[in-house]
Amino acid sequence: MRDYRKMIVSNPGVMTGKPVIAGTRITVELILEKLAAGETVEQLLEAHPRLTEDAVRAALAFAADALRADVVYPLETTLR
């Protein structure tokens, strides 16, 4: 896979600055949401013809790097 930093861009004038696949308005967030909902990569590619398999992998790599940051993400827990 190519370096995701060339495939993921952020511009305040595009999708309010959310990270997107370069040359598109397809956000990393959208890709992650669709994969988490059970869509396959093939379904994503079919629904978004400008998307490539490398771009999906770049979105995943970007998300993994973002979560490696030294930030604590509090998760709401339910006690029963």
C-alpha atoms as a PDB file:
ATOM      1  CA  MET A   1       0.000   0.000   0.000  1.00  0.00           C
ATOM      2  CA  ARG A   2       1.137   3.511  -0.703  1.00  0.00           C
ATOM      3  CA  ASP A   3       1.775   5.949   2.125  1.00  0.00           C
ATOM      4  CA  TYR A   4      -1.692   7.011   3.335  1.00  0.00           C
ATOM      5  CA  ARG A   5      -0.491  10.570   3.930  1.00  0.00           C
ATOM      6  CA  LYS A   6      -0.634  11.102   0.180  1.00  0.00           C
ATOM      7  CA  MET A   7      -4.179   9.756  -0.031  1.00  0.00           C
ATOM      8  CA  ILE A   8      -5.827  11.376   2.996  1.00  0.00           C
ATOM      9  CA  VAL A   9      -6.136  15.151   2.997  1.00  0.00           C
ATOM     10  CA  SER A  10      -7.860  17.790   5.097  1.00  0.00           C
ATOM     11  CA  ASN A  11      -9.005  21.171   3.825  1.00  0.00           C
ATOM     12  CA  PRO A  12     -11.284  23.509   5.813  1.00  0.00           C
ATOM     13  CA  GLY A  13     -13.196  24.204   2.579  1.00  0.00           C
ATOM     14  CA  VAL A  14     -14.007  20.526   1.969  1.00  0.00           C
ATOM     15  CA  MET A  15     -16.364  18.659   4.302  1.00  0.00           C
ATOM     16  CA  THR A  16     -15.594  21.186   7.074  1.00  0.00           C
ATOM     17  CA  GLY A  17     -11.991  19.992   7.218  1.00  0.00           C
ATOM     18  CA  LYS A  18     -12.704  16.347   7.962  1.00  0.00           C
ATOM     19  CA  PRO A  19     -10.071  13.970   6.562  1.00  0.00           C
ATOM     20  CA  VAL A  20     -11.140  12.829   3.083  1.00  0.00           C
ATOM     21  CA  ILE A  21      -9.774  10.682   0.300  1.00  0.00           C
ATOM     22  CA  ALA A  22      -7.749  13.043  -1.912  1.00  0.00           C
ATOM     23  CA  GLY A  23      -9.714  14.319  -4.873  1.00  0.00           C
ATOM     24  CA  THR A  24     -13.068  13.293  -3.387  1.00  0.00           C
ATOM     25  CA  ARG A  25     -15.547  14.320  -0.720  1.00  0.00           C
ATOM     26  CA  ILE A  26     -15.496  10.796   0.756  1.00  0.00           C
ATOM     27  CA  THR A  27     -14.578  11.107   4.424  1.00  0.00           C
ATOM     28  CA  VAL A  28     -12.535   8.667   6.452  1.00  0.00           C
ATOM     29  CA  GLU A  29     -15.434   8.777   8.896  1.00  0.00           C
ATOM     30  CA  LEU A  30     -17.895   7.551   6.231  1.00  0.00           C
ATOM     31  CA  ILE A  31     -15.622   4.668   5.274  1.00  0.00           C
ATOM     32  CA  LEU A  32     -15.221   3.590   8.899  1.00  0.00           C
ATOM     33  CA  GLU A  33     -18.959   3.875   9.601  1.00  0.00           C
ATOM     34  CA  LYS A  34     -19.871   1.769   6.580  1.00  0.00           C
ATOM     35  CA  LEU A  35     -17.309  -0.921   7.383  1.00  0.00           C
ATOM     36  CA  ALA A  36     -18.444  -0.976  11.031  1.00  0.00           C
ATOM     37  CA  ALA A  37     -22.052  -1.385   9.840  1.00  0.00           C
ATOM     38  CA  GLY A  38     -21.040  -4.529   7.981  1.00  0.00           C
ATOM     39  CA  GLU A  39     -20.537  -3.303   4.447  1.00  0.00           C
ATOM     40  CA  THR A  40     -17.751  -5.023   2.583  1.00  0.00           C
ATOM     41  CA  VAL A  41     -14.942  -3.239   0.787  1.00  0.00           C
ATOM     42  CA  GLU A  42     -16.486  -4.444  -2.469  1.00  0.00           C
ATOM     43  CA  GLN A  43     -19.819  -2.823  -1.554  1.00  0.00           C
ATOM     44  CA  LEU A  44     -18.030   0.430  -0.706  1.00  0.00           C
ATOM     45  CA  LEU A  45     -16.215   0.414  -4.035  1.00  0.00           C
ATOM     46  CA  GLU A  46     -19.445  -0.264  -5.898  1.00  0.00           C
ATOM     47  CA  ALA A  47     -21.299   2.545  -4.091  1.00  0.00           C
ATOM     48  CA  HIS A  48     -18.431   5.034  -4.546  1.00  0.00           C
ATOM     49  CA  PRO A  49     -16.801   4.540  -7.974  1.00  0.00           C
ATOM     50  CA  ARG A  50     -14.010   7.055  -7.242  1.00  0.00           C
ATOM     51  CA  LEU A  51     -12.942   5.045  -4.199  1.00  0.00           C
ATOM     52  CA  THR A  52     -10.167   2.459  -4.503  1.00  0.00           C
ATOM     53  CA  GLU A  53      -9.111  -0.433  -2.324  1.00  0.00           C
ATOM     54  CA  ASP A  54      -5.868   1.436  -1.570  1.00  0.00           C
ATOM     55  CA  ALA A  55      -7.924   4.417  -0.414  1.00  0.00           C
ATOM     56  CA  VAL A  56      -9.940   2.230   1.975  1.00  0.00           C
ATOM     57  CA  ARG A  57      -6.707   0.832   3.402  1.00  0.00           C
ATOM     58  CA  ALA A  58      -5.350   4.372   3.700  1.00  0.00           C
ATOM     59  CA  ALA A  59      -8.448   5.396   5.672  1.00  0.00           C
ATOM     60  CA  LEU A  60      -7.930   2.471   8.051  1.00  0.00           C
ATOM     61  CA  ALA A  61      -4.230   3.280   8.480  1.00  0.00           C
ATOM     62  CA  PHE A  62      -5.065   6.937   9.135  1.00  0.00           C
ATOM     63  CA  ALA A  63      -7.632   5.964  11.784  1.00  0.00           C
ATOM     64  CA  ALA A  64      -5.190   3.577  13.457  1.00  0.00           C
ATOM     65  CA  ASP A  65      -2.525   6.285  13.629  1.00  0.00           C
ATOM     66  CA  ALA A  66      -5.048   8.798  14.989  1.00  0.00           C
ATOM     67  CA  LEU A  67      -5.945   6.395  17.804  1.00  0.00           C
ATOM     68  CA  ARG A  68      -2.274   5.877  18.670  1.00  0.00           C
ATOM     69  CA  ALA A  69      -2.080   9.487  19.873  1.00  0.00           C
ATOM     70  CA  ASP A  70      -1.596  10.002  23.594  1.00  0.00           C
ATOM     71  CA  VAL A  71      -5.244  10.860  24.137  1.00  0.00           C
ATOM     72  CA  VAL A  72      -7.680   9.125  26.453  1.00  0.00           C
ATOM     73  CA  TYR A  73     -11.088   8.530  24.904  1.00  0.00           C
ATOM     74  CA  PRO A  74     -13.620   8.062  27.712  1.00  0.00           C
ATOM     75  CA  LEU A  75     -16.241   5.473  26.883  1.00  0.00           C
ATOM     76  CA  GLU A  76     -19.584   5.531  28.602  1.00  0.00           C
ATOM     77  CA  THR A  77     -20.163   2.321  30.510  1.00  0.00           C
ATOM     78  CA  THR A  78     -23.405   0.930  31.812  1.00  0.00           C
ATOM     79  CA  LEU A  79     -23.478  -0.735  35.210  1.00  0.00           C
ATOM     80  CA  ARG A  80     -26.253  -3.220  35.881  1.00  0.00           C
END
